[in-house]
Amino acid sequence: MIIKGRVWVYSDNVDTDVIIPARYLNTSDSKELAKHCMEDIDESFAKEVKNGDIIVAGYNFGSGSSREHAPIAIKASGVACVIAKSFSRIFYRNAFNIGLPILESNVVDELEKSDEIEVDTKKGQIKVLKNGKVFESSVIPEFMQRLIESGGLFNYAKEILKV
C-alpha cells in the first residue's frame, strides 16, 4: 500500500492520555473522539488535520493505558498512518485491530510539520518529498496488511467467516 500525506510531528512518549484525554472516554463514538484527538498536546490538530495526513513521532508512541479509544480517535481524524521510532505494545496491537497502519522508523528526525512523505508499507520505505531522501521502516506483515485492507480485525473475521 502506498500512502502519501502531510505530516504532524511529535516528540517521544506521546501517551494515550494526550492522544485522547480521559475526560472524553465516556463515548465510543469515533467522530466525537476525533474532535478531541491530540488536543492536550496540540490544540490545532483536531481542527486542521485532513484525510490522508500522517502522524510521525519519536519513541514510545501510544504508551500509557490500554484504551482502544486512542487509535480509534486517530483513525477517525482522517490520519492514514502513524510512524514512530517505537510504539507501546498494546497501542501497536490496538492500531492493527482497528485497521490503522503503523510503522517504525527514524524518519521523524528529518521532518517538520506539514512536510509531505510517501510511505510504501509493503517495501518498508518512506520517501521525504522535499529532498528525496528515503528511509527504511518496519514492513507490515502480510497478515496485518490484510487486517488493514479489511478495515480491522472485526471486519477481517466477518470476511473469513462469510458472515
C-alpha atoms as a PDB file:
ATOM      1  CA  MET A   1       0.000   0.000   0.000  1.00  0.00           C
ATOM      2  CA  ILE A   2       1.261   3.483  -0.887  1.00  0.00           C
ATOM      3  CA  ILE A   3       0.273   6.333   1.440  1.00  0.00           C
ATOM      4  CA  LYS A   4       1.148   9.909   0.571  1.00  0.00           C
ATOM      5  CA  GLY A   5       0.403  12.684   3.011  1.00  0.00           C
ATOM      6  CA  ARG A   6       1.295  15.703   5.078  1.00  0.00           C
ATOM      7  CA  VAL A   7       2.917  15.057   8.442  1.00  0.00           C
ATOM      8  CA  TRP A   8       2.209  16.096  12.009  1.00  0.00           C
ATOM      9  CA  VAL A   9       5.420  15.779  14.007  1.00  0.00           C
ATOM     10  CA  TYR A  10       5.530  14.896  17.706  1.00  0.00           C
ATOM     11  CA  SER A  11       8.277  14.003  20.180  1.00  0.00           C
ATOM     12  CA  ASP A  12       8.881  10.944  22.371  1.00  0.00           C
ATOM     13  CA  ASN A  13       6.398   9.461  24.863  1.00  0.00           C
ATOM     14  CA  VAL A  14       3.126  10.602  23.320  1.00  0.00           C
ATOM     15  CA  ASP A  15       0.812   8.651  25.585  1.00  0.00           C
ATOM     16  CA  THR A  16      -2.828   7.666  25.238  1.00  0.00           C
ATOM     17  CA  ASP A  17      -3.832  10.393  27.716  1.00  0.00           C
ATOM     18  CA  VAL A  18      -2.777  13.095  25.261  1.00  0.00           C
ATOM     19  CA  ILE A  19      -3.941  11.215  22.178  1.00  0.00           C
ATOM     20  CA  ILE A  20      -7.461  11.146  23.641  1.00  0.00           C
ATOM     21  CA  PRO A  21      -7.805  12.669  27.115  1.00  0.00           C
ATOM     22  CA  ALA A  22      -9.606  10.555  29.718  1.00  0.00           C
ATOM     23  CA  ARG A  23     -12.367  13.163  30.104  1.00  0.00           C
ATOM     24  CA  TYR A  24     -13.702  12.063  26.683  1.00  0.00           C
ATOM     25  CA  LEU A  25     -13.760   8.332  27.368  1.00  0.00           C
ATOM     26  CA  ASN A  26     -17.464   8.417  28.195  1.00  0.00           C
ATOM     27  CA  THR A  27     -18.187   7.883  24.476  1.00  0.00           C
ATOM     28  CA  SER A  28     -17.198   5.302  21.918  1.00  0.00           C
ATOM     29  CA  ASP A  29     -18.441   7.451  19.024  1.00  0.00           C
ATOM     30  CA  SER A  30     -15.396   7.705  16.755  1.00  0.00           C
ATOM     31  CA  LYS A  31     -16.436  11.075  15.305  1.00  0.00           C
ATOM     32  CA  GLU A  32     -16.777  12.558  18.783  1.00  0.00           C
ATOM     33  CA  LEU A  33     -13.382  11.138  19.789  1.00  0.00           C
ATOM     34  CA  ALA A  34     -11.811  12.642  16.654  1.00  0.00           C
ATOM     35  CA  LYS A  35     -12.963  16.119  17.724  1.00  0.00           C
ATOM     36  CA  HIS A  36     -10.673  15.855  20.756  1.00  0.00           C
ATOM     37  CA  CYS A  37      -7.768  13.885  19.323  1.00  0.00           C
ATOM     38  CA  MET A  38      -4.367  15.245  20.408  1.00  0.00           C
ATOM     39  CA  GLU A  39      -5.916  18.361  21.964  1.00  0.00           C
ATOM     40  CA  ASP A  40      -3.811  18.196  25.135  1.00  0.00           C
ATOM     41  CA  ILE A  41      -0.570  18.163  23.136  1.00  0.00           C
ATOM     42  CA  ASP A  42      -1.625  20.133  20.033  1.00  0.00           C
ATOM     43  CA  GLU A  43      -4.745  22.292  20.114  1.00  0.00           C
ATOM     44  CA  SER A  44      -4.629  22.795  16.340  1.00  0.00           C
ATOM     45  CA  PHE A  45      -4.643  19.109  15.402  1.00  0.00           C
ATOM     46  CA  ALA A  46      -8.375  18.265  15.524  1.00  0.00           C
ATOM     47  CA  LYS A  47      -9.294  21.478  13.709  1.00  0.00           C
ATOM     48  CA  GLU A  48      -6.642  21.268  10.978  1.00  0.00           C
ATOM     49  CA  VAL A  49      -5.996  17.576  10.337  1.00  0.00           C
ATOM     50  CA  LYS A  50      -7.060  16.407   6.875  1.00  0.00           C
ATOM     51  CA  ASN A  51      -7.870  12.993   5.476  1.00  0.00           C
ATOM     52  CA  GLY A  52      -4.650  11.277   4.481  1.00  0.00           C
ATOM     53  CA  ASP A  53      -2.393  13.128   6.937  1.00  0.00           C
ATOM     54  CA  ILE A  54       0.288  11.146   8.752  1.00  0.00           C
ATOM     55  CA  ILE A  55       1.431  11.341  12.375  1.00  0.00           C
ATOM     56  CA  VAL A  56       5.192  10.960  12.854  1.00  0.00           C
ATOM     57  CA  ALA A  57       6.701  10.730  16.321  1.00  0.00           C
ATOM     58  CA  GLY A  58       9.640   9.633  18.435  1.00  0.00           C
ATOM     59  CA  TYR A  59       9.976   6.732  20.839  1.00  0.00           C
ATOM     60  CA  ASN A  60       7.208   5.035  22.819  1.00  0.00           C
ATOM     61  CA  PHE A  61       4.165   6.351  20.946  1.00  0.00           C
ATOM     62  CA  GLY A  62       0.872   5.232  22.498  1.00  0.00           C
ATOM     63  CA  SER A  63       2.230   4.425  25.936  1.00  0.00           C
ATOM     64  CA  GLY A  64       0.017   4.625  28.982  1.00  0.00           C
ATOM     65  CA  SER A  65      -3.344   3.000  29.420  1.00  0.00           C
ATOM     66  CA  SER A  66      -4.515   0.296  27.071  1.00  0.00           C
ATOM     67  CA  ARG A  67      -7.531   2.181  25.787  1.00  0.00           C
ATOM     68  CA  GLU A  68      -8.581   1.348  22.250  1.00  0.00           C
ATOM     69  CA  HIS A  69     -10.017   4.869  22.033  1.00  0.00           C
ATOM     70  CA  ALA A  70      -6.569   6.271  21.140  1.00  0.00           C
ATOM     71  CA  PRO A  71      -6.086   4.607  17.733  1.00  0.00           C
ATOM     72  CA  ILE A  72      -9.815   4.984  17.042  1.00  0.00           C
ATOM     73  CA  ALA A  73      -9.574   8.756  17.590  1.00  0.00           C
ATOM     74  CA  ILE A  74      -6.526   8.961  15.318  1.00  0.00           C
ATOM     75  CA  LYS A  75      -8.107   6.949  12.514  1.00  0.00           C
ATOM     76  CA  ALA A  76     -11.436   8.806  12.796  1.00  0.00           C
ATOM     77  CA  SER A  77      -9.494  12.074  12.462  1.00  0.00           C
ATOM     78  CA  GLY A  78      -8.554  11.004   8.952  1.00  0.00           C
ATOM     79  CA  VAL A  79      -4.959  10.041   9.706  1.00  0.00           C
ATOM     80  CA  ALA A  80      -3.836   7.447   7.164  1.00  0.00           C
ATOM     81  CA  CYS A  81      -0.787   6.159   9.010  1.00  0.00           C
ATOM     82  CA  VAL A  82       1.296   6.621  12.166  1.00  0.00           C
ATOM     83  CA  ILE A  83       5.069   6.344  12.043  1.00  0.00           C
ATOM     84  CA  ALA A  84       7.183   6.387  15.198  1.00  0.00           C
ATOM     85  CA  LYS A  85      10.592   5.279  16.382  1.00  0.00           C
ATOM     86  CA  SER A  86       8.753   2.776  18.601  1.00  0.00           C
ATOM     87  CA  PHE A  87       5.260   2.009  19.887  1.00  0.00           C
ATOM     88  CA  SER A  88       3.904   0.624  23.102  1.00  0.00           C
ATOM     89  CA  ARG A  89       2.893  -2.994  22.574  1.00  0.00           C
ATOM     90  CA  ILE A  90      -0.799  -2.553  23.372  1.00  0.00           C
ATOM     91  CA  PHE A  91      -1.151   0.515  21.116  1.00  0.00           C
ATOM     92  CA  TYR A  92       0.569  -1.421  18.322  1.00  0.00           C
ATOM     93  CA  ARG A  93      -1.951  -4.241  18.543  1.00  0.00           C
ATOM     94  CA  ASN A  94      -4.967  -1.959  19.037  1.00  0.00           C
ATOM     95  CA  ALA A  95      -3.991   0.048  15.941  1.00  0.00           C
ATOM     96  CA  PHE A  96      -3.954  -3.009  13.706  1.00  0.00           C
ATOM     97  CA  ASN A  97      -7.145  -4.331  15.299  1.00  0.00           C
ATOM     98  CA  ILE A  98      -8.981  -1.222  14.088  1.00  0.00           C
ATOM     99  CA  GLY A  99      -7.204  -1.099  10.706  1.00  0.00           C
ATOM    100  CA  LEU A 100      -4.765   1.770  11.339  1.00  0.00           C
ATOM    101  CA  PRO A 101      -1.376   1.193   9.670  1.00  0.00           C
ATOM    102  CA  ILE A 102       1.632   1.929  11.855  1.00  0.00           C
ATOM    103  CA  LEU A 103       5.331   1.684  11.049  1.00  0.00           C
ATOM    104  CA  GLU A 104       8.558   2.018  12.991  1.00  0.00           C
ATOM    105  CA  SER A 105      11.208   4.348  11.527  1.00  0.00           C
ATOM    106  CA  ASN A 106      13.620   7.124  12.470  1.00  0.00           C
ATOM    107  CA  VAL A 107      12.249   9.428   9.749  1.00  0.00           C
ATOM    108  CA  VAL A 108      10.887  11.835  12.401  1.00  0.00           C
ATOM    109  CA  ASP A 109      14.372  13.330  12.785  1.00  0.00           C
ATOM    110  CA  GLU A 110      14.191  14.535   9.169  1.00  0.00           C
ATOM    111  CA  LEU A 111      10.734  16.109   9.242  1.00  0.00           C
ATOM    112  CA  GLU A 112       8.920  19.292  10.173  1.00  0.00           C
ATOM    113  CA  LYS A 113       5.178  19.818  10.488  1.00  0.00           C
ATOM    114  CA  SER A 114       3.425  19.890   7.083  1.00  0.00           C
ATOM    115  CA  ASP A 115       6.250  18.189   5.167  1.00  0.00           C
ATOM    116  CA  GLU A 116       4.979  15.576   2.750  1.00  0.00           C
ATOM    117  CA  ILE A 117       6.088  11.969   2.640  1.00  0.00           C
ATOM    118  CA  GLU A 118       5.274   8.877   0.648  1.00  0.00           C
ATOM    119  CA  VAL A 119       5.077   5.583   2.528  1.00  0.00           C
ATOM    120  CA  ASP A 120       5.323   2.147   0.929  1.00  0.00           C
ATOM    121  CA  THR A 121       4.042  -0.222   3.605  1.00  0.00           C
ATOM    122  CA  LYS A 122       4.948  -3.361   1.646  1.00  0.00           C
ATOM    123  CA  LYS A 123       8.555  -2.375   0.929  1.00  0.00           C
ATOM    124  CA  GLY A 124       9.086  -0.632   4.255  1.00  0.00           C
ATOM    125  CA  GLN A 125      10.248   2.631   2.716  1.00  0.00           C
ATOM    126  CA  ILE A 126       9.439   6.265   3.430  1.00  0.00           C
ATOM    127  CA  LYS A 127      10.367   8.976   0.947  1.00  0.00           C
ATOM    128  CA  VAL A 128      10.670  12.567   2.149  1.00  0.00           C
ATOM    129  CA  LEU A 129       9.309  14.559  -0.794  1.00  0.00           C
ATOM    130  CA  LYS A 130      11.103  17.863  -0.035  1.00  0.00           C
ATOM    131  CA  ASN A 131      14.534  16.307  -0.541  1.00  0.00           C
ATOM    132  CA  GLY A 132      14.007  12.829  -1.994  1.00  0.00           C
ATOM    133  CA  LYS A 133      15.678  11.044   0.929  1.00  0.00           C
ATOM    134  CA  VAL A 134      14.448   7.505   1.508  1.00  0.00           C
ATOM    135  CA  PHE A 135      14.247   5.963   4.970  1.00  0.00           C
ATOM    136  CA  GLU A 136      13.714   2.358   5.916  1.00  0.00           C
ATOM    137  CA  SER A 137      10.788   1.374   8.089  1.00  0.00           C
ATOM    138  CA  SER A 138       9.398  -1.784   9.517  1.00  0.00           C
ATOM    139  CA  VAL A 139       7.482  -3.867   6.998  1.00  0.00           C
ATOM    140  CA  ILE A 140       3.897  -4.598   7.903  1.00  0.00           C
ATOM    141  CA  PRO A 141       3.498  -8.393   7.925  1.00  0.00           C
ATOM    142  CA  GLU A 142       1.151  -9.828   5.304  1.00  0.00           C
ATOM    143  CA  PHE A 143      -1.468 -10.841   7.880  1.00  0.00           C
ATOM    144  CA  MET A 144      -1.503  -7.332   9.318  1.00  0.00           C
ATOM    145  CA  GLN A 145      -1.782  -5.914   5.775  1.00  0.00           C
ATOM    146  CA  ARG A 146      -4.977  -7.979   5.382  1.00  0.00           C
ATOM    147  CA  LEU A 147      -6.324  -6.572   8.664  1.00  0.00           C
ATOM    148  CA  ILE A 148      -5.727  -3.040   7.394  1.00  0.00           C
ATOM    149  CA  GLU A 149      -7.265  -3.746   3.982  1.00  0.00           C
ATOM    150  CA  SER A 150     -10.344  -5.183   5.705  1.00  0.00           C
ATOM    151  CA  GLY A 151     -10.691  -2.180   7.993  1.00  0.00           C
ATOM    152  CA  GLY A 152      -9.661  -4.035  11.140  1.00  0.00           C
ATOM    153  CA  LEU A 153      -9.898  -7.356  12.918  1.00  0.00           C
ATOM    154  CA  PHE A 154     -13.692  -7.380  13.251  1.00  0.00           C
ATOM    155  CA  ASN A 155     -14.238  -6.847   9.516  1.00  0.00           C
ATOM    156  CA  TYR A 156     -11.488  -9.335   8.679  1.00  0.00           C
ATOM    157  CA  ALA A 157     -13.165 -12.003  10.822  1.00  0.00           C
ATOM    158  CA  LYS A 158     -16.523 -11.308   9.147  1.00  0.00           C
ATOM    159  CA  GLU A 159     -14.887 -11.756   5.734  1.00  0.00           C
ATOM    160  CA  ILE A 160     -13.199 -15.017   6.732  1.00  0.00           C
ATOM    161  CA  LEU A 161     -16.357 -16.403   8.337  1.00  0.00           C
ATOM    162  CA  LYS A 162     -18.503 -15.039   5.492  1.00  0.00           C
ATOM    163  CA  VAL A 163     -20.973 -13.556   7.957  1.00  0.00           C
END
